[in-house]
Amino acid sequence: MFKLLRDLLSFVMAVVEILLTMRFILKILGANAESQFVNWVYVNTQPLLQPFQFAFPTPSIKGGFVLEFTTLFALFAYAFMGYILQQLLNVIDGHENAHSH
């Protein structure tokens, strides 16, 4: 049961990290938001950034290049939360296994 939860958590966290990394790279390279793919990435990662919105400045350079510190922070925050949840599942699973013997 806990292995399934750990695997599911790992999968979800990997998808979140990949999407946020893609967003960061697309923003910093000044990708055209009118492109269907770029727009899809921006729209689907926006809810992930909501808790961190306006926490950091978002400097931009002429030509549309944007350094989104919020996305960078979200990458680290979600990775940290995923790590904490994985450790919590490990502790609970270890506790369960200790009681079943």
C-alpha atoms as a PDB file:
ATOM      1  CA  MET A   1       0.000   0.000   0.000  1.00  0.00           C
ATOM      2  CA  PHE A   2       2.700   2.503   0.986  1.00  0.00           C
ATOM      3  CA  LYS A   3       4.865   1.546  -1.979  1.00  0.00           C
ATOM      4  CA  LEU A   4       1.990   2.466  -4.273  1.00  0.00           C
ATOM      5  CA  LEU A   5       1.566   5.799  -2.476  1.00  0.00           C
ATOM      6  CA  ARG A   6       5.303   6.510  -2.680  1.00  0.00           C
ATOM      7  CA  ASP A   7       5.349   5.630  -6.386  1.00  0.00           C
ATOM      8  CA  LEU A   8       2.301   7.800  -7.070  1.00  0.00           C
ATOM      9  CA  LEU A   9       3.815  10.701  -5.116  1.00  0.00           C
ATOM     10  CA  SER A  10       7.091  10.324  -7.031  1.00  0.00           C
ATOM     11  CA  PHE A  11       5.242  10.356 -10.345  1.00  0.00           C
ATOM     12  CA  VAL A  12       3.159  13.432  -9.476  1.00  0.00           C
ATOM     13  CA  MET A  13       6.194  15.305  -8.170  1.00  0.00           C
ATOM     14  CA  ALA A  14       8.181  14.436 -11.308  1.00  0.00           C
ATOM     15  CA  VAL A  15       5.392  15.778 -13.537  1.00  0.00           C
ATOM     16  CA  VAL A  16       5.159  18.981 -11.465  1.00  0.00           C
ATOM     17  CA  GLU A  17       8.937  19.493 -11.563  1.00  0.00           C
ATOM     18  CA  ILE A  18       9.132  18.828 -15.325  1.00  0.00           C
ATOM     19  CA  LEU A  19       6.284  21.247 -16.090  1.00  0.00           C
ATOM     20  CA  LEU A  20       7.741  23.989 -13.880  1.00  0.00           C
ATOM     21  CA  THR A  21      11.190  23.502 -15.399  1.00  0.00           C
ATOM     22  CA  MET A  22       9.699  23.758 -18.885  1.00  0.00           C
ATOM     23  CA  ARG A  23       7.889  26.950 -17.861  1.00  0.00           C
ATOM     24  CA  PHE A  24      11.080  28.457 -16.461  1.00  0.00           C
ATOM     25  CA  ILE A  25      13.052  27.624 -19.612  1.00  0.00           C
ATOM     26  CA  LEU A  26      10.317  28.863 -21.959  1.00  0.00           C
ATOM     27  CA  LYS A  27      10.027  32.145 -20.020  1.00  0.00           C
ATOM     28  CA  ILE A  28      13.759  32.755 -19.861  1.00  0.00           C
ATOM     29  CA  LEU A  29      14.079  32.067 -23.601  1.00  0.00           C
ATOM     30  CA  GLY A  30      11.180  34.406 -24.390  1.00  0.00           C
ATOM     31  CA  ALA A  31       8.981  31.742 -25.982  1.00  0.00           C
ATOM     32  CA  ASN A  32       5.919  33.022 -27.817  1.00  0.00           C
ATOM     33  CA  ALA A  33       2.883  32.571 -25.532  1.00  0.00           C
ATOM     34  CA  GLU A  34       0.649  32.377 -28.605  1.00  0.00           C
ATOM     35  CA  SER A  35       2.188  29.014 -29.484  1.00  0.00           C
ATOM     36  CA  GLN A  36      -0.251  26.266 -28.473  1.00  0.00           C
ATOM     37  CA  PHE A  37       2.370  24.263 -26.619  1.00  0.00           C
ATOM     38  CA  VAL A  38       3.847  27.244 -24.776  1.00  0.00           C
ATOM     39  CA  ASN A  39       0.379  28.496 -23.865  1.00  0.00           C
ATOM     40  CA  TRP A  40      -0.566  25.010 -22.614  1.00  0.00           C
ATOM     41  CA  VAL A  41       2.500  24.920 -20.355  1.00  0.00           C
ATOM     42  CA  TYR A  42       1.794  28.429 -18.994  1.00  0.00           C
ATOM     43  CA  VAL A  43      -1.902  27.754 -18.363  1.00  0.00           C
ATOM     44  CA  ASN A  44      -1.296  24.395 -16.670  1.00  0.00           C
ATOM     45  CA  THR A  45       1.532  25.601 -14.442  1.00  0.00           C
ATOM     46  CA  GLN A  46      -0.170  28.811 -13.319  1.00  0.00           C
ATOM     47  CA  PRO A  47      -2.162  27.090 -10.520  1.00  0.00           C
ATOM     48  CA  LEU A  48       1.109  25.625  -9.205  1.00  0.00           C
ATOM     49  CA  LEU A  49       2.546  29.131  -8.894  1.00  0.00           C
ATOM     50  CA  GLN A  50      -0.521  30.635  -7.229  1.00  0.00           C
ATOM     51  CA  PRO A  51       0.682  30.111  -3.605  1.00  0.00           C
ATOM     52  CA  PHE A  52       3.932  31.934  -4.427  1.00  0.00           C
ATOM     53  CA  GLN A  53       2.494  34.714  -6.617  1.00  0.00           C
ATOM     54  CA  PHE A  54       4.036  38.155  -6.056  1.00  0.00           C
ATOM     55  CA  ALA A  55       6.604  36.778  -3.576  1.00  0.00           C
ATOM     56  CA  PHE A  56       9.491  37.729  -5.869  1.00  0.00           C
ATOM     57  CA  PRO A  57      10.116  40.249  -8.626  1.00  0.00           C
ATOM     58  CA  THR A  58       9.906  39.057 -12.214  1.00  0.00           C
ATOM     59  CA  PRO A  59      12.557  40.971 -14.153  1.00  0.00           C
ATOM     60  CA  SER A  60      12.280  40.979 -17.911  1.00  0.00           C
ATOM     61  CA  ILE A  61      14.688  41.984 -20.631  1.00  0.00           C
ATOM     62  CA  LYS A  62      13.742  43.744 -23.832  1.00  0.00           C
ATOM     63  CA  GLY A  63      12.634  41.084 -26.297  1.00  0.00           C
ATOM     64  CA  GLY A  64      10.391  39.151 -23.940  1.00  0.00           C
ATOM     65  CA  PHE A  65      12.978  37.257 -21.908  1.00  0.00           C
ATOM     66  CA  VAL A  66      11.634  36.800 -18.367  1.00  0.00           C
ATOM     67  CA  LEU A  67      13.468  35.555 -15.289  1.00  0.00           C
ATOM     68  CA  GLU A  68      10.656  34.156 -13.172  1.00  0.00           C
ATOM     69  CA  PHE A  69      12.027  33.786  -9.640  1.00  0.00           C
ATOM     70  CA  THR A  70       8.579  32.622  -8.526  1.00  0.00           C
ATOM     71  CA  THR A  71       8.911  29.547 -10.737  1.00  0.00           C
ATOM     72  CA  LEU A  72      12.404  28.841  -9.405  1.00  0.00           C
ATOM     73  CA  PHE A  73      11.162  29.093  -5.833  1.00  0.00           C
ATOM     74  CA  ALA A  74       8.176  26.860  -6.635  1.00  0.00           C
ATOM     75  CA  LEU A  75      10.541  24.237  -8.086  1.00  0.00           C
ATOM     76  CA  PHE A  76      12.484  24.104  -4.831  1.00  0.00           C
ATOM     77  CA  ALA A  77       9.376  24.325  -2.639  1.00  0.00           C
ATOM     78  CA  TYR A  78       7.583  21.451  -4.396  1.00  0.00           C
ATOM     79  CA  ALA A  79      10.742  19.315  -4.402  1.00  0.00           C
ATOM     80  CA  PHE A  80      11.115  19.932  -0.665  1.00  0.00           C
ATOM     81  CA  MET A  81       7.444  19.157   0.014  1.00  0.00           C
ATOM     82  CA  GLY A  82       7.717  15.967  -2.055  1.00  0.00           C
ATOM     83  CA  TYR A  83      10.799  14.927  -0.092  1.00  0.00           C
ATOM     84  CA  ILE A  84       9.064  15.584   3.241  1.00  0.00           C
ATOM     85  CA  LEU A  85       5.983  13.602   2.155  1.00  0.00           C
ATOM     86  CA  GLN A  86       8.173  10.710   0.970  1.00  0.00           C
ATOM     87  CA  GLN A  87       9.967  10.658   4.312  1.00  0.00           C
ATOM     88  CA  LEU A  88       6.657  10.782   6.165  1.00  0.00           C
ATOM     89  CA  LEU A  89       5.383   7.803   4.172  1.00  0.00           C
ATOM     90  CA  ASN A  90       8.638   5.954   4.933  1.00  0.00           C
ATOM     91  CA  VAL A  91       8.240   6.627   8.659  1.00  0.00           C
ATOM     92  CA  ILE A  92       4.601   5.551   8.681  1.00  0.00           C
ATOM     93  CA  ASP A  93       5.419   2.439   6.648  1.00  0.00           C
ATOM     94  CA  GLY A  94       8.318   1.582   8.968  1.00  0.00           C
ATOM     95  CA  HIS A  95       6.089   2.096  11.983  1.00  0.00           C
ATOM     96  CA  GLU A  96       3.402  -0.152  10.466  1.00  0.00           C
ATOM     97  CA  ASN A  97       5.950  -2.856   9.631  1.00  0.00           C
ATOM     98  CA  ALA A  98       7.410  -2.743  13.148  1.00  0.00           C
ATOM     99  CA  HIS A  99       3.955  -3.354  14.655  1.00  0.00           C
ATOM    100  CA  SER A 100       3.077  -6.176  12.289  1.00  0.00           C
ATOM    101  CA  HIS A 101       6.026  -8.359  13.370  1.00  0.00           C
END
